[in-house]
Amino acid sequence: MSDLEHEDGDAEAILARLEPSQPRRFMGIALQLALGLFLISLAISFPREQMGVRLLILVLGGLMLYFGYRMWQLTDVALILTKTELRDSRGRLLAKIDNVREVSRGAFALKPSHGFSLVLHRGDRRAWVPGIWWRLGTRVGIGGITPSQPARYMAEMIAAMIARPVE
């Protein structure tokens, strides 16, 4: 049974799909890896007398390399909008449509770059997939390394769905 099928067996239609922009994905990962390598080389060049600073910078460089690796793993995912929910292609639920109160996508909205945010009635656990989406309390941010046009389309679809409830 696929992740889009319900218990009664009928598959729910995909209304919108949002995938990361591969050039932005590679650029974000490359910048994190480059920063990690730079910090490690900087730590190596510090004098032995400043061992505390040297270790701190070395740890930060290692963390940046780790975050670049995790971003590589986590950003190979798409967001899928159906009539009832927004989830990723690995099956992780971002928000149920009946829990969405508002779609924020204005210039001054708290949202990721090239994306939008959802304000929920009831919050859920904190979660984060770098560059794709995050959830903090009653807010879900979608975007970052995603193209702006498909993100705008998905935001408009969700806004239309919450404006007139689907029966």
N, C-alpha and C. Protein backbone atom coordinates (compact mmCIF):
# COMPACT_ATOMS: atom_id res chain seq x y z
N MET A 1 0.85 -1.17 0.00
CA MET A 1 0.00 0.00 0.00
C MET A 1 0.90 1.23 0.00
N SER A 2 0.67 2.17 -0.89
CA SER A 2 1.50 3.37 -0.98
C SER A 2 1.17 4.32 0.16
N ASP A 3 2.03 5.33 0.35
CA ASP A 3 1.82 6.27 1.45
C ASP A 3 0.67 7.23 1.17
N LEU A 4 0.10 7.20 -0.03
CA LEU A 4 -1.02 8.08 -0.35
C LEU A 4 -2.36 7.35 -0.39
N GLU A 5 -2.37 6.09 0.02
CA GLU A 5 -3.62 5.35 0.03
C GLU A 5 -4.19 5.35 1.44
N HIS A 6 -5.51 5.43 1.51
CA HIS A 6 -6.19 5.38 2.79
C HIS A 6 -6.56 3.94 3.10
N GLU A 7 -7.12 3.75 4.30
CA GLU A 7 -7.50 2.42 4.73
C GLU A 7 -8.55 1.80 3.82
N ASP A 8 -9.40 2.61 3.23
CA ASP A 8 -10.45 2.07 2.37
C ASP A 8 -9.94 1.74 0.97
N GLY A 9 -8.66 1.99 0.68
CA GLY A 9 -8.06 1.50 -0.56
C GLY A 9 -8.00 2.47 -1.71
N ASP A 10 -8.77 3.55 -1.69
CA ASP A 10 -8.72 4.47 -2.83
C ASP A 10 -7.59 5.48 -2.63
N ALA A 11 -6.78 5.63 -3.65
CA ALA A 11 -5.62 6.53 -3.57
C ALA A 11 -6.09 7.98 -3.67
N GLU A 12 -5.50 8.84 -2.89
CA GLU A 12 -5.85 10.24 -2.93
C GLU A 12 -5.00 10.93 -3.99
N ALA A 13 -5.63 11.78 -4.78
CA ALA A 13 -4.93 12.46 -5.87
C ALA A 13 -3.95 13.49 -5.34
N ILE A 14 -2.82 13.58 -6.01
CA ILE A 14 -1.81 14.59 -5.68
C ILE A 14 -2.21 15.89 -6.37
N LEU A 15 -2.43 16.94 -5.58
CA LEU A 15 -2.83 18.23 -6.13
C LEU A 15 -1.63 19.09 -6.52
N ALA A 16 -0.55 18.98 -5.75
CA ALA A 16 0.66 19.76 -6.04
C ALA A 16 1.86 19.01 -5.48
N ARG A 17 2.98 19.20 -6.14
CA ARG A 17 4.24 18.56 -5.72
C ARG A 17 5.33 19.62 -5.78
N LEU A 18 6.11 19.72 -4.72
CA LEU A 18 7.17 20.72 -4.62
C LEU A 18 8.48 20.00 -4.36
N GLU A 19 9.40 20.12 -5.32
CA GLU A 19 10.71 19.48 -5.21
C GLU A 19 11.79 20.54 -5.12
N PRO A 20 12.90 20.22 -4.43
CA PRO A 20 13.97 21.20 -4.32
C PRO A 20 14.63 21.47 -5.66
N SER A 21 15.11 22.69 -5.82
CA SER A 21 15.88 23.06 -7.00
C SER A 21 17.27 22.47 -6.84
N GLN A 22 17.68 21.62 -7.77
CA GLN A 22 18.96 20.94 -7.64
C GLN A 22 20.15 21.91 -7.61
N PRO A 23 20.19 22.95 -8.45
CA PRO A 23 21.31 23.90 -8.33
C PRO A 23 21.39 24.57 -6.96
N ARG A 24 20.24 24.96 -6.39
CA ARG A 24 20.24 25.58 -5.06
C ARG A 24 20.66 24.56 -4.00
N ARG A 25 20.20 23.32 -4.16
CA ARG A 25 20.57 22.26 -3.23
C ARG A 25 22.09 22.06 -3.23
N PHE A 26 22.68 21.93 -4.40
CA PHE A 26 24.12 21.72 -4.50
C PHE A 26 24.89 22.94 -3.99
N MET A 27 24.40 24.14 -4.27
CA MET A 27 25.07 25.35 -3.81
C MET A 27 25.05 25.43 -2.28
N GLY A 28 23.92 25.15 -1.67
CA GLY A 28 23.83 25.19 -0.21
C GLY A 28 24.75 24.17 0.44
N ILE A 29 24.78 22.97 -0.12
CA ILE A 29 25.65 21.92 0.42
C ILE A 29 27.11 22.30 0.22
N ALA A 30 27.45 22.79 -0.97
CA ALA A 30 28.84 23.17 -1.25
C ALA A 30 29.30 24.29 -0.34
N LEU A 31 28.44 25.27 -0.07
CA LEU A 31 28.83 26.36 0.83
C LEU A 31 29.05 25.87 2.25
N GLN A 32 28.21 24.96 2.72
CA GLN A 32 28.41 24.42 4.07
C GLN A 32 29.71 23.62 4.15
N LEU A 33 29.97 22.80 3.15
CA LEU A 33 31.20 22.02 3.15
C LEU A 33 32.43 22.93 3.04
N ALA A 34 32.35 23.96 2.21
CA ALA A 34 33.47 24.89 2.07
C ALA A 34 33.72 25.64 3.38
N LEU A 35 32.66 26.05 4.06
CA LEU A 35 32.83 26.72 5.35
C LEU A 35 33.46 25.77 6.37
N GLY A 36 33.02 24.52 6.37
CA GLY A 36 33.61 23.54 7.28
C GLY A 36 35.09 23.34 7.02
N LEU A 37 35.47 23.20 5.76
CA LEU A 37 36.89 23.03 5.42
C LEU A 37 37.69 24.28 5.76
N PHE A 38 37.12 25.46 5.52
CA PHE A 38 37.80 26.70 5.87
C PHE A 38 38.04 26.79 7.37
N LEU A 39 37.02 26.46 8.17
CA LEU A 39 37.18 26.54 9.62
C LEU A 39 38.22 25.54 10.13
N ILE A 40 38.24 24.35 9.54
CA ILE A 40 39.25 23.37 9.95
C ILE A 40 40.65 23.84 9.59
N SER A 41 40.82 24.40 8.39
CA SER A 41 42.15 24.90 8.01
C SER A 41 42.55 26.10 8.87
N LEU A 42 41.56 26.92 9.26
CA LEU A 42 41.84 28.04 10.15
C LEU A 42 42.28 27.54 11.53
N ALA A 43 41.62 26.51 12.02
CA ALA A 43 41.97 25.95 13.33
C ALA A 43 43.38 25.37 13.32
N ILE A 44 43.76 24.76 12.22
CA ILE A 44 45.10 24.18 12.13
C ILE A 44 46.17 25.27 12.13
N SER A 45 45.85 26.42 11.58
CA SER A 45 46.83 27.50 11.49
C SER A 45 46.99 28.29 12.80
N PHE A 46 46.09 28.11 13.77
CA PHE A 46 46.19 28.82 15.05
C PHE A 46 47.40 28.31 15.83
N PRO A 47 48.04 29.20 16.59
CA PRO A 47 49.20 28.76 17.40
C PRO A 47 48.77 27.82 18.53
N ARG A 48 49.68 26.98 18.97
CA ARG A 48 49.41 26.01 20.03
C ARG A 48 49.04 26.69 21.36
N GLU A 49 49.47 27.90 21.56
CA GLU A 49 49.17 28.60 22.81
C GLU A 49 47.67 28.88 22.95
N GLN A 50 46.96 28.94 21.85
CA GLN A 50 45.52 29.21 21.87
C GLN A 50 44.74 27.93 21.58
N MET A 51 45.02 26.89 22.35
CA MET A 51 44.43 25.58 22.10
C MET A 51 42.91 25.59 22.28
N GLY A 52 42.39 26.38 23.21
CA GLY A 52 40.94 26.43 23.42
C GLY A 52 40.21 26.97 22.19
N VAL A 53 40.72 28.07 21.66
CA VAL A 53 40.13 28.66 20.45
C VAL A 53 40.30 27.71 19.27
N ARG A 54 41.45 27.09 19.20
CA ARG A 54 41.75 26.14 18.12
C ARG A 54 40.75 24.98 18.14
N LEU A 55 40.50 24.42 19.32
CA LEU A 55 39.55 23.30 19.43
C LEU A 55 38.12 23.75 19.11
N LEU A 56 37.75 24.95 19.57
CA LEU A 56 36.40 25.46 19.29
C LEU A 56 36.18 25.61 17.78
N ILE A 57 37.13 26.20 17.09
CA ILE A 57 36.99 26.39 15.65
C ILE A 57 37.01 25.04 14.92
N LEU A 58 37.81 24.10 15.42
CA LEU A 58 37.85 22.77 14.84
C LEU A 58 36.51 22.05 14.99
N VAL A 59 35.91 22.19 16.15
CA VAL A 59 34.59 21.58 16.38
C VAL A 59 33.54 22.23 15.48
N LEU A 60 33.57 23.56 15.35
CA LEU A 60 32.62 24.24 14.46
C LEU A 60 32.80 23.81 13.01
N GLY A 61 34.04 23.64 12.58
CA GLY A 61 34.30 23.15 11.22
C GLY A 61 33.76 21.75 11.02
N GLY A 62 33.97 20.89 12.01
CA GLY A 62 33.43 19.53 11.94
C GLY A 62 31.91 19.53 11.89
N LEU A 63 31.30 20.40 12.69
CA LEU A 63 29.84 20.51 12.66
C LEU A 63 29.34 20.95 11.29
N MET A 64 30.01 21.90 10.68
CA MET A 64 29.59 22.36 9.35
C MET A 64 29.71 21.23 8.32
N LEU A 65 30.77 20.43 8.41
CA LEU A 65 30.89 19.28 7.51
C LEU A 65 29.76 18.28 7.75
N TYR A 66 29.44 18.04 9.02
CA TYR A 66 28.35 17.13 9.36
C TYR A 66 27.01 17.67 8.85
N PHE A 67 26.76 18.97 9.05
CA PHE A 67 25.51 19.56 8.59
C PHE A 67 25.40 19.52 7.07
N GLY A 68 26.50 19.71 6.37
CA GLY A 68 26.48 19.58 4.91
C GLY A 68 26.13 18.17 4.48
N TYR A 69 26.69 17.19 5.17
CA TYR A 69 26.37 15.78 4.89
C TYR A 69 24.90 15.49 5.18
N ARG A 70 24.39 15.98 6.32
CA ARG A 70 22.98 15.76 6.66
C ARG A 70 22.05 16.47 5.67
N MET A 71 22.45 17.64 5.21
CA MET A 71 21.64 18.35 4.23
C MET A 71 21.58 17.55 2.94
N TRP A 72 22.69 16.95 2.56
CA TRP A 72 22.71 16.10 1.37
C TRP A 72 21.71 14.95 1.51
N GLN A 73 21.67 14.33 2.68
CA GLN A 73 20.76 13.21 2.92
C GLN A 73 19.30 13.66 2.96
N LEU A 74 19.03 14.74 3.66
CA LEU A 74 17.65 15.13 3.95
C LEU A 74 16.95 15.87 2.83
N THR A 75 17.69 16.52 1.95
CA THR A 75 17.03 17.35 0.94
C THR A 75 16.66 16.60 -0.32
N ASP A 76 16.80 15.31 -0.33
CA ASP A 76 16.37 14.50 -1.46
C ASP A 76 14.92 14.05 -1.22
N VAL A 77 14.04 15.03 -1.07
CA VAL A 77 12.66 14.77 -0.71
C VAL A 77 11.76 15.78 -1.42
N ALA A 78 10.54 15.40 -1.71
CA ALA A 78 9.56 16.30 -2.32
C ALA A 78 8.40 16.48 -1.35
N LEU A 79 7.71 17.61 -1.44
CA LEU A 79 6.51 17.84 -0.65
C LEU A 79 5.29 17.57 -1.51
N ILE A 80 4.33 16.86 -0.95
CA ILE A 80 3.16 16.41 -1.69
C ILE A 80 1.90 16.94 -1.00
N LEU A 81 1.08 17.63 -1.77
CA LEU A 81 -0.19 18.17 -1.27
C LEU A 81 -1.33 17.32 -1.82
N THR A 82 -2.17 16.81 -0.92
CA THR A 82 -3.39 16.10 -1.31
C THR A 82 -4.57 16.89 -0.74
N LYS A 83 -5.78 16.38 -0.91
CA LYS A 83 -6.96 17.08 -0.42
C LYS A 83 -6.98 17.19 1.10
N THR A 84 -6.34 16.28 1.79
CA THR A 84 -6.44 16.25 3.24
C THR A 84 -5.17 16.61 3.98
N GLU A 85 -4.00 16.57 3.32
CA GLU A 85 -2.77 16.77 4.06
C GLU A 85 -1.62 17.23 3.18
N LEU A 86 -0.61 17.73 3.85
CA LEU A 86 0.67 18.07 3.22
C LEU A 86 1.71 17.20 3.88
N ARG A 87 2.41 16.38 3.09
CA ARG A 87 3.43 15.49 3.62
C ARG A 87 4.59 15.44 2.67
N ASP A 88 5.70 14.87 3.13
CA ASP A 88 6.83 14.73 2.24
C ASP A 88 6.80 13.35 1.57
N SER A 89 7.67 13.15 0.60
CA SER A 89 7.65 11.92 -0.18
C SER A 89 8.11 10.71 0.62
N ARG A 90 8.67 10.93 1.81
CA ARG A 90 9.04 9.81 2.69
C ARG A 90 7.91 9.45 3.64
N GLY A 91 6.79 10.16 3.55
CA GLY A 91 5.63 9.85 4.37
C GLY A 91 5.48 10.67 5.63
N ARG A 92 6.36 11.61 5.88
CA ARG A 92 6.29 12.42 7.09
C ARG A 92 5.25 13.52 6.94
N LEU A 93 4.31 13.58 7.86
CA LEU A 93 3.22 14.54 7.82
C LEU A 93 3.70 15.91 8.28
N LEU A 94 3.47 16.94 7.44
CA LEU A 94 3.79 18.31 7.82
C LEU A 94 2.58 18.96 8.48
N ALA A 95 1.41 18.83 7.85
CA ALA A 95 0.19 19.43 8.39
C ALA A 95 -1.02 18.82 7.71
N LYS A 96 -2.08 18.66 8.48
CA LYS A 96 -3.38 18.29 7.92
C LYS A 96 -4.05 19.58 7.46
N ILE A 97 -4.74 19.52 6.34
CA ILE A 97 -5.36 20.73 5.77
C ILE A 97 -6.42 21.31 6.71
N ASP A 98 -7.17 20.45 7.42
CA ASP A 98 -8.19 20.97 8.33
C ASP A 98 -7.58 21.63 9.58
N ASN A 99 -6.27 21.50 9.77
CA ASN A 99 -5.57 22.14 10.88
C ASN A 99 -4.94 23.48 10.47
N VAL A 100 -4.97 23.80 9.18
CA VAL A 100 -4.35 25.04 8.69
C VAL A 100 -5.31 26.20 8.89
N ARG A 101 -4.85 27.23 9.58
CA ARG A 101 -5.67 28.42 9.81
C ARG A 101 -5.42 29.49 8.77
N GLU A 102 -4.14 29.62 8.33
CA GLU A 102 -3.76 30.73 7.44
C GLU A 102 -2.52 30.36 6.65
N VAL A 103 -2.42 30.92 5.44
CA VAL A 103 -1.22 30.80 4.61
C VAL A 103 -0.57 32.17 4.55
N SER A 104 0.69 32.26 4.99
CA SER A 104 1.43 33.53 4.98
C SER A 104 2.47 33.48 3.88
N ARG A 105 2.40 34.44 2.97
CA ARG A 105 3.37 34.45 1.88
C ARG A 105 3.75 35.86 1.45
N GLY A 106 3.44 36.83 2.24
CA GLY A 106 3.75 38.22 1.91
C GLY A 106 5.23 38.53 2.09
N ALA A 107 5.59 39.74 1.72
CA ALA A 107 6.99 40.16 1.78
C ALA A 107 7.51 40.21 3.21
N PHE A 108 6.66 40.52 4.18
CA PHE A 108 7.10 40.64 5.57
C PHE A 108 6.66 39.46 6.42
N ALA A 109 6.19 38.38 5.79
CA ALA A 109 5.77 37.20 6.54
C ALA A 109 6.99 36.43 7.03
N LEU A 110 6.82 35.76 8.16
CA LEU A 110 7.87 34.89 8.69
C LEU A 110 7.84 33.59 7.88
N LYS A 111 8.69 33.54 6.87
CA LYS A 111 8.68 32.41 5.94
C LYS A 111 10.07 32.20 5.37
N PRO A 112 10.35 31.00 4.86
CA PRO A 112 11.64 30.78 4.19
C PRO A 112 11.69 31.48 2.84
N SER A 113 12.90 31.63 2.34
CA SER A 113 13.11 32.21 1.02
C SER A 113 12.43 31.35 -0.04
N HIS A 114 11.83 31.96 -1.04
CA HIS A 114 11.14 31.27 -2.13
C HIS A 114 10.04 30.35 -1.63
N GLY A 115 9.41 30.70 -0.52
CA GLY A 115 8.41 29.81 0.04
C GLY A 115 7.27 30.53 0.70
N PHE A 116 6.65 29.86 1.65
CA PHE A 116 5.50 30.37 2.38
C PHE A 116 5.46 29.69 3.74
N SER A 117 4.57 30.15 4.59
CA SER A 117 4.40 29.49 5.87
C SER A 117 2.92 29.26 6.14
N LEU A 118 2.67 28.24 6.91
CA LEU A 118 1.31 27.89 7.32
C LEU A 118 1.18 28.17 8.81
N VAL A 119 0.07 28.77 9.19
CA VAL A 119 -0.24 28.96 10.60
C VAL A 119 -1.31 27.93 10.94
N LEU A 120 -1.03 27.11 11.94
CA LEU A 120 -1.91 26.00 12.29
C LEU A 120 -2.78 26.35 13.49
N HIS A 121 -3.92 25.66 13.59
CA HIS A 121 -4.77 25.79 14.78
C HIS A 121 -4.08 25.13 15.97
N ARG A 122 -3.59 23.91 15.78
CA ARG A 122 -2.92 23.14 16.81
C ARG A 122 -1.50 22.84 16.36
N GLY A 123 -0.55 23.12 17.21
CA GLY A 123 0.85 22.88 16.87
C GLY A 123 1.21 21.41 16.97
N ASP A 124 2.39 21.09 16.50
CA ASP A 124 2.92 19.74 16.53
C ASP A 124 4.38 19.82 16.98
N ARG A 125 5.04 18.67 17.04
CA ARG A 125 6.45 18.64 17.45
C ARG A 125 7.31 19.46 16.51
N ARG A 126 8.41 19.98 17.06
CA ARG A 126 9.38 20.70 16.23
C ARG A 126 10.03 19.72 15.27
N ALA A 127 10.25 20.17 14.06
CA ALA A 127 10.93 19.35 13.06
C ALA A 127 11.58 20.28 12.05
N TRP A 128 12.61 19.76 11.36
CA TRP A 128 13.34 20.59 10.42
C TRP A 128 14.02 19.72 9.39
N VAL A 129 13.79 20.03 8.13
CA VAL A 129 14.54 19.46 7.02
C VAL A 129 15.18 20.66 6.33
N PRO A 130 16.51 20.83 6.50
CA PRO A 130 17.18 22.06 6.04
C PRO A 130 16.89 22.39 4.59
N GLY A 131 16.44 23.61 4.36
CA GLY A 131 16.20 24.08 3.01
C GLY A 131 14.87 23.66 2.40
N ILE A 132 14.14 22.78 3.07
CA ILE A 132 12.87 22.30 2.52
C ILE A 132 11.70 22.78 3.38
N TRP A 133 11.70 22.44 4.67
CA TRP A 133 10.61 22.84 5.55
C TRP A 133 11.06 22.80 7.01
N TRP A 134 10.32 23.51 7.85
CA TRP A 134 10.51 23.48 9.29
C TRP A 134 9.16 23.64 9.97
N ARG A 135 9.05 23.12 11.18
CA ARG A 135 7.83 23.28 11.97
C ARG A 135 8.24 23.68 13.38
N LEU A 136 7.67 24.76 13.86
CA LEU A 136 7.97 25.27 15.19
C LEU A 136 6.66 25.78 15.80
N GLY A 137 6.14 25.08 16.77
CA GLY A 137 4.88 25.45 17.39
C GLY A 137 3.73 25.34 16.41
N THR A 138 3.04 26.45 16.21
CA THR A 138 1.89 26.45 15.30
C THR A 138 2.24 26.98 13.92
N ARG A 139 3.51 27.02 13.59
CA ARG A 139 3.92 27.54 12.29
C ARG A 139 4.75 26.49 11.55
N VAL A 140 4.45 26.34 10.25
CA VAL A 140 5.21 25.46 9.36
C VAL A 140 5.73 26.32 8.23
N GLY A 141 7.04 26.35 8.05
CA GLY A 141 7.67 27.10 6.97
C GLY A 141 8.07 26.16 5.85
N ILE A 142 7.73 26.52 4.63
CA ILE A 142 8.01 25.69 3.47
C ILE A 142 8.77 26.52 2.46
N GLY A 143 9.91 26.02 2.02
CA GLY A 143 10.71 26.73 1.03
C GLY A 143 12.17 26.76 1.43
N GLY A 144 12.92 27.57 0.74
CA GLY A 144 14.35 27.67 0.98
C GLY A 144 15.10 27.37 -0.31
N ILE A 145 15.27 26.09 -0.60
CA ILE A 145 15.95 25.71 -1.83
C ILE A 145 14.94 25.25 -2.88
N THR A 146 13.67 25.57 -2.66
CA THR A 146 12.62 25.21 -3.61
C THR A 146 12.41 26.33 -4.61
N PRO A 147 11.97 26.01 -5.83
CA PRO A 147 11.66 27.06 -6.81
C PRO A 147 10.43 27.86 -6.36
N SER A 148 10.41 29.14 -6.68
CA SER A 148 9.34 30.00 -6.19
C SER A 148 7.99 29.76 -6.86
N GLN A 149 7.97 29.47 -8.16
CA GLN A 149 6.68 29.29 -8.85
C GLN A 149 5.90 28.07 -8.34
N PRO A 150 6.50 26.87 -8.24
CA PRO A 150 5.74 25.75 -7.68
C PRO A 150 5.35 25.98 -6.22
N ALA A 151 6.18 26.68 -5.46
CA ALA A 151 5.83 26.99 -4.06
C ALA A 151 4.63 27.94 -4.01
N ARG A 152 4.62 28.92 -4.90
CA ARG A 152 3.48 29.85 -4.95
C ARG A 152 2.20 29.10 -5.33
N TYR A 153 2.30 28.19 -6.29
CA TYR A 153 1.14 27.40 -6.70
C TYR A 153 0.61 26.57 -5.52
N MET A 154 1.54 25.92 -4.79
CA MET A 154 1.11 25.12 -3.65
C MET A 154 0.46 25.99 -2.59
N ALA A 155 1.01 27.17 -2.32
CA ALA A 155 0.43 28.08 -1.34
C ALA A 155 -0.97 28.52 -1.76
N GLU A 156 -1.14 28.81 -3.04
CA GLU A 156 -2.46 29.21 -3.52
C GLU A 156 -3.46 28.07 -3.44
N MET A 157 -3.01 26.85 -3.70
CA MET A 157 -3.90 25.69 -3.58
C MET A 157 -4.35 25.51 -2.12
N ILE A 158 -3.42 25.62 -1.19
CA ILE A 158 -3.78 25.46 0.23
C ILE A 158 -4.70 26.59 0.67
N ALA A 159 -4.42 27.83 0.24
CA ALA A 159 -5.28 28.96 0.59
C ALA A 159 -6.69 28.76 0.06
N ALA A 160 -6.80 28.26 -1.15
CA ALA A 160 -8.13 27.99 -1.73
C ALA A 160 -8.83 26.87 -0.97
N MET A 161 -8.07 25.86 -0.54
CA MET A 161 -8.68 24.74 0.18
C MET A 161 -9.18 25.14 1.55
N ILE A 162 -8.47 26.05 2.23
CA ILE A 162 -8.94 26.44 3.56
C ILE A 162 -10.01 27.54 3.48
N ALA A 163 -10.08 28.23 2.33
CA ALA A 163 -11.14 29.24 2.14
C ALA A 163 -12.49 28.58 2.00
N ARG A 164 -12.54 27.46 1.33
CA ARG A 164 -13.78 26.68 1.20
C ARG A 164 -13.48 25.25 1.58
N PRO A 165 -13.93 24.82 2.73
CA PRO A 165 -13.64 23.48 3.20
C PRO A 165 -14.13 22.40 2.24
N VAL A 166 -13.29 21.38 2.04
CA VAL A 166 -13.62 20.26 1.16
C VAL A 166 -14.44 19.25 1.96
N GLU A 167 -15.52 18.75 1.36
CA GLU A 167 -16.36 17.77 2.05
C GLU A 167 -16.10 16.39 1.56
